[in-house]
Amino acid sequence: MTEKILTEPEEIYRKIEEIYNTEKGKKFITHLIRSFFPIGKSDFIWEKKDKPIFCCITGIGLVSKDEAAQAMFDVTPEEFSKYMKKAFIISTEETSVEKQEPIVHPAIEKLDGKILGIESPESDKFICKEVYQQLYNFYVNKLLCGDSHINWLGKRMMADGVVKNLKSENKITPEEEKAVNKNINKPHKITLGDMGVLQQLKDKLEREEKK
């Protein structure tokens, strides 16, 4: 029996939470959050992959923008005409929305239920847009609820972003980077020397801001 494909936001959120509540699953959800966030770190898949791909949370089949565009190009004039006639008939019928037969664009039918996927250069996993949204909601809700692991993850991601930018501008030394990482990962083991290095980095950044 194949696993059910998830489509509703509520059940996708519950699935993320269910995975997170196991030791192995917590590492997996942490990986996804670190790989796909913050915004701008991931993007829609543009080119077709060599093999079929699926969302790692919902199980739904995914396609690239190239494949979605090709499906549009493959729609024949006859198929589009039939679709428009059906849409016109339904729009003029005096029936309730609940009783109206749903119509599907022929391009969507050609994709056979697959939807656009999202990828990240930092992961070999793929997700759909709704999973991206629910991962974000999960992350924010856990932060607001004071989840200690997610709180650490938030600090870790912020530190990673700052260090990456400083390294690209040659504004941080290996010693300063080590002190920053130690302060996030093992704050109970930070020494007076580490504190001095962090203070020097703070002073240096403040001077840069005043220029």
Protein backbone atom coordinates (compact mmCIF):
# COMPACT_ATOMS: atom_id res chain seq x y z
CA MET A 1 0.00 0.00 0.00
CA THR A 2 1.46 3.32 -1.08
CA GLU A 3 1.62 6.21 1.38
CA LYS A 4 -1.07 8.86 1.03
CA ILE A 5 -0.10 11.99 -0.86
CA LEU A 6 -0.69 15.03 1.33
CA THR A 7 -2.34 18.11 -0.17
CA GLU A 8 -4.02 20.12 2.62
CA PRO A 9 -1.99 22.72 4.59
CA GLU A 10 -3.17 21.36 7.94
CA GLU A 11 -2.15 17.78 7.24
CA ILE A 12 1.20 18.90 5.82
CA TYR A 13 1.90 20.90 8.99
CA ARG A 14 0.95 17.89 11.13
CA LYS A 15 3.27 15.68 9.09
CA ILE A 16 6.19 18.08 9.64
CA GLU A 17 5.46 18.14 13.37
CA GLU A 18 5.16 14.35 13.47
CA ILE A 19 8.55 13.94 11.79
CA TYR A 20 10.17 16.54 14.07
CA ASN A 21 9.00 14.70 17.18
CA THR A 22 11.39 11.80 16.54
CA GLU A 23 15.16 11.98 17.06
CA LYS A 24 15.98 11.14 13.45
CA GLY A 25 13.13 13.30 12.17
CA LYS A 26 14.31 16.35 14.12
CA LYS A 27 17.63 16.18 12.27
CA PHE A 28 15.77 15.90 8.95
CA ILE A 29 13.48 18.88 9.57
CA THR A 30 16.48 20.87 10.83
CA HIS A 31 18.28 20.04 7.58
CA LEU A 32 15.32 21.24 5.51
CA ILE A 33 14.97 24.52 7.40
CA ARG A 34 18.70 25.25 7.21
CA SER A 35 18.81 24.36 3.51
CA PHE A 36 15.72 26.19 2.25
CA PHE A 37 15.73 29.25 4.51
CA PRO A 38 16.09 32.18 4.88
CA ILE A 39 14.07 33.42 1.91
CA GLY A 40 16.24 33.59 -1.19
CA LYS A 41 18.27 30.52 -0.32
CA SER A 42 16.10 28.24 -2.49
CA ASP A 43 14.19 28.59 -5.74
CA PHE A 44 11.76 26.84 -8.06
CA ILE A 45 13.30 24.06 -10.12
CA TRP A 46 14.04 25.48 -13.57
CA GLU A 47 15.39 22.54 -15.56
CA LYS A 48 14.04 19.00 -15.89
CA LYS A 49 15.85 16.43 -13.77
CA ASP A 50 17.27 13.17 -15.11
CA LYS A 51 14.77 11.10 -13.13
CA PRO A 52 11.29 11.58 -11.60
CA ILE A 53 11.33 13.69 -8.42
CA PHE A 54 8.93 13.92 -5.51
CA CYS A 55 8.30 16.21 -2.55
CA CYS A 56 10.07 14.65 0.46
CA ILE A 57 7.18 15.57 2.79
CA THR A 58 3.96 15.21 0.77
CA GLY A 59 5.04 12.55 -1.72
CA ILE A 60 3.55 14.50 -4.62
CA GLY A 61 5.31 14.41 -7.98
CA LEU A 62 7.25 17.53 -8.91
CA VAL A 63 8.17 19.22 -12.19
CA SER A 64 10.45 22.02 -13.29
CA LYS A 65 9.43 25.33 -14.83
CA ASP A 66 10.71 24.02 -18.16
CA GLU A 67 8.32 21.07 -17.95
CA ALA A 68 5.40 23.30 -16.94
CA ALA A 69 6.10 25.59 -19.89
CA GLN A 70 6.33 22.61 -22.25
CA ALA A 71 2.94 21.37 -21.05
CA MET A 72 1.48 24.76 -22.01
CA PHE A 73 3.07 24.59 -25.46
CA ASP A 74 1.75 21.06 -25.97
CA VAL A 75 -1.88 22.13 -25.55
CA THR A 76 -3.55 21.89 -28.96
CA PRO A 77 -6.02 24.50 -30.24
CA GLU A 78 -8.74 21.84 -30.05
CA GLU A 79 -7.97 21.06 -26.40
CA PHE A 80 -7.94 24.74 -25.47
CA SER A 81 -11.19 25.40 -27.35
CA LYS A 82 -12.89 22.52 -25.54
CA TYR A 83 -11.63 23.84 -22.20
CA MET A 84 -12.90 27.38 -22.91
CA LYS A 85 -16.33 26.14 -24.01
CA LYS A 86 -16.71 24.09 -20.85
CA ALA A 87 -15.61 27.05 -18.71
CA PHE A 88 -18.13 29.32 -20.45
CA ILE A 89 -20.98 26.86 -19.99
CA ILE A 90 -20.25 26.43 -16.29
CA SER A 91 -19.96 30.18 -15.73
CA THR A 92 -23.42 30.74 -17.22
CA GLU A 93 -25.17 27.87 -15.43
CA GLU A 94 -27.42 28.80 -12.54
CA THR A 95 -26.07 26.14 -10.21
CA SER A 96 -24.30 26.42 -6.87
CA VAL A 97 -20.53 26.32 -6.76
CA GLU A 98 -20.69 23.03 -4.85
CA LYS A 99 -22.64 21.35 -7.66
CA GLN A 100 -20.52 22.69 -10.51
CA GLU A 101 -18.18 20.17 -12.12
CA PRO A 102 -14.57 21.33 -11.72
CA ILE A 103 -12.71 22.05 -14.93
CA VAL A 104 -8.99 21.53 -15.33
CA HIS A 105 -6.73 23.33 -17.78
CA PRO A 106 -5.40 20.85 -20.36
CA ALA A 107 -1.81 21.82 -19.49
CA ILE A 108 -2.41 20.74 -15.89
CA GLU A 109 -3.89 17.47 -17.11
CA LYS A 110 -0.74 16.83 -19.12
CA LEU A 111 1.35 17.17 -15.95
CA ASP A 112 -0.68 14.29 -14.46
CA GLY A 113 -1.07 15.84 -11.02
CA LYS A 114 2.53 16.98 -10.69
CA ILE A 115 3.27 20.49 -9.48
CA LEU A 116 6.21 22.90 -9.45
CA GLY A 117 9.03 21.89 -7.14
CA ILE A 118 11.51 23.90 -5.07
CA GLU A 119 15.18 23.03 -4.64
CA SER A 120 18.20 24.26 -2.69
CA PRO A 121 21.90 24.02 -3.58
CA GLU A 122 22.44 22.80 0.00
CA SER A 123 20.19 19.75 -0.18
CA ASP A 124 19.43 16.77 -2.41
CA LYS A 125 15.78 16.91 -1.28
CA PHE A 126 12.91 18.63 -3.09
CA ILE A 127 9.75 20.21 -1.71
CA CYS A 128 6.58 21.79 -3.06
CA LYS A 129 5.42 25.36 -2.43
CA GLU A 130 2.93 24.38 0.30
CA VAL A 131 5.62 22.47 2.22
CA TYR A 132 7.87 25.53 1.96
CA GLN A 133 5.10 27.64 3.51
CA GLN A 134 4.31 25.13 6.25
CA LEU A 135 8.00 24.67 7.12
CA TYR A 136 8.18 28.43 7.62
CA ASN A 137 5.01 28.40 9.76
CA PHE A 138 6.40 25.51 11.81
CA TYR A 139 9.71 27.30 12.37
CA VAL A 140 8.03 30.55 13.48
CA ASN A 141 5.53 28.78 15.75
CA LYS A 142 8.27 26.79 17.45
CA LEU A 143 10.29 29.97 18.01
CA LEU A 144 7.27 31.67 19.58
CA CYS A 145 6.65 28.62 21.79
CA GLY A 146 10.23 28.69 23.06
CA ASP A 147 11.41 25.39 21.54
CA SER A 148 15.06 25.20 22.64
CA HIS A 149 16.31 23.38 19.53
CA ILE A 150 14.58 25.74 17.11
CA ASN A 151 15.82 28.69 19.15
CA TRP A 152 19.36 27.37 18.72
CA LEU A 153 18.71 26.79 15.02
CA GLY A 154 17.57 30.39 14.58
CA LYS A 155 20.76 31.70 16.21
CA ARG A 156 22.85 29.26 14.18
CA MET A 157 21.30 30.41 10.88
CA MET A 158 21.75 34.09 11.76
CA ALA A 159 25.37 33.51 12.73
CA ASP A 160 26.02 31.55 9.53
CA GLY A 161 24.63 34.42 7.46
CA VAL A 162 26.71 37.05 9.26
CA VAL A 163 29.92 35.00 9.07
CA LYS A 164 29.38 34.25 5.37
CA ASN A 165 28.97 37.95 4.56
CA LEU A 166 31.98 38.96 6.65
CA LYS A 167 34.16 36.26 5.07
CA SER A 168 33.19 37.43 1.58
CA GLU A 169 34.43 40.92 2.55
CA ASN A 170 37.49 39.64 4.45
CA LYS A 171 36.24 41.28 7.64
CA ILE A 172 36.50 38.33 10.01
CA THR A 173 39.52 36.36 11.18
CA PRO A 174 39.59 32.57 11.73
CA GLU A 175 39.87 33.24 15.47
CA GLU A 176 36.78 35.46 15.42
CA GLU A 177 34.83 32.92 13.36
CA LYS A 178 35.76 30.15 15.80
CA ALA A 179 34.61 32.28 18.75
CA VAL A 180 31.27 33.03 17.07
CA ASN A 181 30.63 29.34 16.34
CA LYS A 182 31.61 28.34 19.88
CA ASN A 183 29.28 30.96 21.34
CA ILE A 184 26.36 29.45 19.37
CA ASN A 185 27.13 25.74 19.68
CA LYS A 186 28.70 25.54 23.14
CA PRO A 187 27.94 28.79 25.03
CA HIS A 188 28.57 27.08 28.39
CA LYS A 189 32.18 26.44 27.36
CA ILE A 190 33.04 29.95 26.17
CA THR A 191 36.10 31.44 27.89
CA LEU A 192 37.14 34.97 28.81
CA GLY A 193 39.46 34.88 25.82
CA ASP A 194 36.54 34.02 23.55
CA MET A 195 34.53 36.87 25.06
CA GLY A 196 37.40 39.25 24.31
CA VAL A 197 37.54 38.11 20.69
CA LEU A 198 33.77 38.53 20.31
CA GLN A 199 33.94 42.02 21.82
CA GLN A 200 36.71 42.96 19.38
CA LEU A 201 34.56 41.73 16.49
CA LYS A 202 31.58 43.71 17.80
CA ASP A 203 33.68 46.88 18.11
CA LYS A 204 35.06 46.38 14.60
CA LEU A 205 31.60 46.00 13.08
CA GLU A 206 30.33 49.07 14.92
CA ARG A 207 33.22 51.12 13.52
CA GLU A 208 32.38 49.85 10.02
CA GLU A 209 28.75 50.97 10.44
CA LYS A 210 29.84 54.52 11.37
CA LYS A 211 31.93 54.97 8.24
